[in-house]
Amino acid sequence: MLVLVAANSNHCVPWMCGVTAGRVGLMMSPESGCPKTYPFLPFAIDNGRFQAVRQQREWDEQGFFRIIEKIKDDETTPLFIVVPDVPMDADGTRKEFDRWRPRLEDLGWPLAMAVQDGMTPDDVPDGIMAFIGGTTAFKQEKAYGFIDQCSFVHVGRVNGLRDLMRCHKKGVESCDGTGFFRGRRAQLYE
């Protein structure tokens, strides 16, 4: 399983990737700016909508597309790009996916649909990756049902050792969490 950590000002991630045999990578988002990419460093692009909702601010659409333009210039390819969604709103997410998919498909990069509470594997179109979002309860109860039916499953907001090990044991391809470098000892037990 690949663990994608927040691509913020933490410059140790490229070094860590070298010593972890490619099991650590970056999750880029509008909040992280435009970090440098490396051919040996796996990365994905999040749209940043969850953070915007959480922080009660406008979504940084320009920041999202700045990252995309930089990556195109770097001639590197992300593992996936999370199509803009409506956090915690299944119907809104379906509509946003239909709206943004054609524009992002033109990039030729793998796309991921942010899965929200109430969605099922049938909501994820063929050839699209499942990015399990939604509430913590939804993820813990429903996330693993997507593994057998979707080509790739990523679980968001995995910030504790217990959830990390659960994802690994269930066969999730990747996960992310902003808390991996916060240094809170409690994360070892969460």
Protein backbone atom coordinates (compact mmCIF):
# COMPACT_ATOMS: atom_id res chain seq x y z
CA MET A 1 0.00 0.00 0.00
CA LEU A 2 1.17 3.49 -0.84
CA VAL A 3 0.81 6.25 1.78
CA LEU A 4 0.45 9.75 0.35
CA VAL A 5 1.38 12.48 2.79
CA ALA A 6 0.42 16.12 2.50
CA ALA A 7 2.74 17.94 0.14
CA ASN A 8 3.27 20.96 2.35
CA SER A 9 6.56 22.47 3.42
CA ASN A 10 7.90 19.12 4.60
CA HIS A 11 11.00 18.58 2.47
CA CYS A 12 11.85 15.17 3.91
CA VAL A 13 9.27 13.30 1.82
CA PRO A 14 11.43 12.85 -1.32
CA TRP A 15 14.21 11.46 0.86
CA MET A 16 11.76 9.18 2.68
CA CYS A 17 10.51 7.79 -0.61
CA GLY A 18 14.00 6.59 -1.38
CA VAL A 19 14.30 4.70 1.89
CA THR A 20 10.79 3.28 1.88
CA ALA A 21 10.97 1.57 -1.51
CA GLY A 22 8.35 3.86 -3.03
CA ARG A 23 5.71 3.28 -0.35
CA VAL A 24 5.52 6.96 0.56
CA GLY A 25 4.44 9.67 -1.86
CA LEU A 26 2.82 13.10 -1.98
CA MET A 27 -0.79 14.24 -2.02
CA MET A 28 -0.81 17.65 -3.66
CA SER A 29 -3.64 20.12 -3.21
CA PRO A 30 -4.24 23.85 -3.70
CA GLU A 31 -3.11 24.38 -0.09
CA SER A 32 0.29 22.84 -0.83
CA GLY A 33 1.08 25.19 -3.69
CA CYS A 34 3.07 23.63 -6.50
CA PRO A 35 5.64 21.29 -4.99
CA LYS A 36 8.45 19.90 -7.10
CA THR A 37 7.83 16.52 -8.66
CA TYR A 38 10.44 13.81 -9.08
CA PRO A 39 10.33 10.85 -11.47
CA PHE A 40 10.86 8.43 -8.56
CA LEU A 41 8.25 10.00 -6.26
CA PRO A 42 4.63 8.85 -6.59
CA PHE A 43 2.06 11.61 -6.18
CA ALA A 44 -1.61 12.38 -6.66
CA ILE A 45 -3.57 15.62 -6.95
CA ASP A 46 -6.48 16.34 -4.63
CA ASN A 47 -8.91 19.09 -5.60
CA GLY A 48 -8.89 20.73 -2.14
CA ARG A 49 -12.65 20.98 -1.76
CA PHE A 50 -12.80 19.06 1.53
CA GLN A 51 -10.29 21.44 3.12
CA ALA A 52 -12.22 24.45 1.83
CA VAL A 53 -15.47 23.17 3.35
CA ARG A 54 -13.74 22.25 6.59
CA GLN A 55 -12.16 25.71 6.86
CA GLN A 56 -15.38 27.44 5.73
CA ARG A 57 -13.75 29.25 2.83
CA GLU A 58 -14.10 29.40 -0.94
CA TRP A 59 -12.55 26.60 -2.99
CA ASP A 60 -9.27 27.62 -4.66
CA GLU A 61 -10.10 26.57 -8.22
CA GLN A 62 -7.18 28.57 -9.60
CA GLY A 63 -4.78 26.83 -7.21
CA PHE A 64 -6.10 23.46 -8.35
CA PHE A 65 -5.42 24.31 -11.99
CA ARG A 66 -2.03 25.88 -11.17
CA ILE A 67 -0.91 22.48 -9.88
CA ILE A 68 -2.22 20.78 -13.01
CA GLU A 69 -0.38 23.23 -15.27
CA LYS A 70 2.86 22.79 -13.34
CA ILE A 71 2.61 19.02 -13.53
CA LYS A 72 1.99 19.21 -17.27
CA ASP A 73 5.14 21.35 -17.57
CA ASP A 74 7.11 18.84 -15.46
CA GLU A 75 6.02 16.07 -17.81
CA THR A 76 5.30 13.80 -14.87
CA THR A 77 2.10 11.81 -14.40
CA PRO A 78 0.11 11.64 -11.17
CA LEU A 79 -1.28 8.37 -9.87
CA PHE A 80 -4.67 10.08 -10.10
CA ILE A 81 -6.41 13.43 -9.91
CA VAL A 82 -9.49 13.78 -7.71
CA VAL A 83 -12.31 15.24 -9.78
CA PRO A 84 -13.95 18.18 -7.96
CA ASP A 85 -16.73 16.99 -5.65
CA VAL A 86 -19.15 18.27 -3.04
CA PRO A 87 -17.92 16.90 0.29
CA MET A 88 -20.57 15.01 2.28
CA ASP A 89 -23.09 15.30 -0.60
CA ALA A 90 -23.51 12.25 -2.84
CA ASP A 91 -25.91 13.85 -5.34
CA GLY A 92 -23.83 17.02 -5.59
CA THR A 93 -20.69 14.95 -6.10
CA ARG A 94 -22.28 12.98 -8.94
CA LYS A 95 -23.27 16.23 -10.67
CA GLU A 96 -19.85 17.81 -10.18
CA PHE A 97 -18.15 14.67 -11.49
CA ASP A 98 -20.24 14.80 -14.67
CA ARG A 99 -19.44 18.51 -15.03
CA TRP A 100 -15.65 18.27 -14.53
CA ARG A 101 -14.86 14.84 -15.97
CA PRO A 102 -14.72 15.86 -19.67
CA ARG A 103 -12.32 18.73 -18.98
CA LEU A 104 -10.00 16.62 -16.82
CA GLU A 105 -10.13 13.53 -19.07
CA ASP A 106 -8.44 15.57 -21.78
CA LEU A 107 -5.28 15.52 -19.65
CA GLY A 108 -4.96 11.78 -20.17
CA TRP A 109 -4.30 11.18 -16.46
CA PRO A 110 -6.16 8.67 -14.27
CA LEU A 111 -9.21 10.20 -12.58
CA ALA A 112 -10.68 9.44 -9.18
CA MET A 113 -14.24 10.03 -8.00
CA ALA A 114 -14.61 11.23 -4.43
CA VAL A 115 -17.09 8.77 -2.94
CA GLN A 116 -19.47 10.19 -0.31
CA ASP A 117 -21.87 8.69 2.22
CA GLY A 118 -24.65 6.79 0.47
CA MET A 119 -22.69 6.05 -2.68
CA THR A 120 -21.94 2.52 -3.85
CA PRO A 121 -19.39 0.99 -6.23
CA ASP A 122 -22.05 1.28 -8.96
CA ASP A 123 -21.69 5.09 -8.74
CA VAL A 124 -18.04 4.87 -9.81
CA PRO A 125 -17.82 4.75 -13.62
CA ASP A 126 -15.72 2.05 -15.28
CA GLY A 127 -12.08 3.03 -15.52
CA ILE A 128 -12.38 5.60 -12.73
CA MET A 129 -10.68 5.16 -9.37
CA ALA A 130 -12.61 5.32 -6.12
CA PHE A 131 -11.37 7.93 -3.64
CA ILE A 132 -13.21 7.08 -0.43
CA GLY A 133 -14.22 10.29 1.32
CA GLY A 134 -17.36 10.94 3.29
CA THR A 135 -17.67 10.61 7.02
CA THR A 136 -15.38 8.48 9.14
CA ALA A 137 -18.28 6.12 9.91
CA PHE A 138 -19.00 5.66 6.19
CA LYS A 139 -15.36 4.90 5.47
CA GLN A 140 -15.09 2.36 8.25
CA GLU A 141 -18.34 0.61 7.29
CA LYS A 142 -18.41 0.85 3.49
CA ALA A 143 -14.95 1.64 2.09
CA TYR A 144 -13.80 -1.92 1.71
CA GLY A 145 -16.86 -2.90 -0.34
CA PHE A 146 -15.39 -0.85 -3.19
CA ILE A 147 -12.20 -2.94 -3.39
CA ASP A 148 -13.65 -5.86 -5.34
CA GLN A 149 -15.58 -3.71 -7.80
CA CYS A 150 -13.29 -0.75 -8.54
CA SER A 151 -9.98 -0.79 -10.38
CA PHE A 152 -8.19 1.24 -7.67
CA VAL A 153 -9.28 2.30 -4.19
CA HIS A 154 -7.78 5.19 -2.24
CA VAL A 155 -8.96 6.08 1.28
CA GLY A 156 -8.71 9.69 2.42
CA ARG A 157 -8.13 11.04 5.92
CA VAL A 158 -6.29 8.03 7.33
CA ASN A 159 -4.36 9.61 10.19
CA GLY A 160 -3.86 6.87 12.75
CA LEU A 161 -2.02 3.58 12.87
CA ARG A 162 -5.18 1.50 13.40
CA ASP A 163 -6.82 2.85 10.23
CA LEU A 164 -3.58 2.59 8.30
CA MET A 165 -3.22 -1.09 9.20
CA ARG A 166 -6.90 -1.75 8.43
CA CYS A 167 -6.48 -0.26 4.95
CA HIS A 168 -3.35 -2.31 4.36
CA LYS A 169 -4.97 -5.58 5.47
CA LYS A 170 -8.08 -5.00 3.35
CA GLY A 171 -6.05 -4.41 0.18
CA VAL A 172 -6.49 -0.68 -0.34
CA GLU A 173 -4.01 0.54 -2.97
CA SER A 174 -3.30 3.90 -1.33
CA CYS A 175 -4.37 6.26 1.44
CA ASP A 176 -3.57 9.75 2.60
CA GLY A 177 -3.60 11.77 5.76
CA THR A 178 -2.40 15.18 6.82
CA GLY A 179 -1.51 13.91 10.27
CA PHE A 180 1.41 11.62 9.51
CA PHE A 181 4.01 14.28 10.33
CA ARG A 182 2.25 16.01 13.20
CA GLY A 183 4.07 13.94 15.76
CA ARG A 184 1.12 13.24 18.04
CA ARG A 185 1.79 10.03 19.95
CA ALA A 186 -1.96 9.37 20.17
CA GLN A 187 -1.95 8.64 16.41
CA LEU A 188 -0.14 5.40 17.16
CA TYR A 189 -3.24 4.23 19.00
CA GLU A 190 -6.03 5.84 16.93
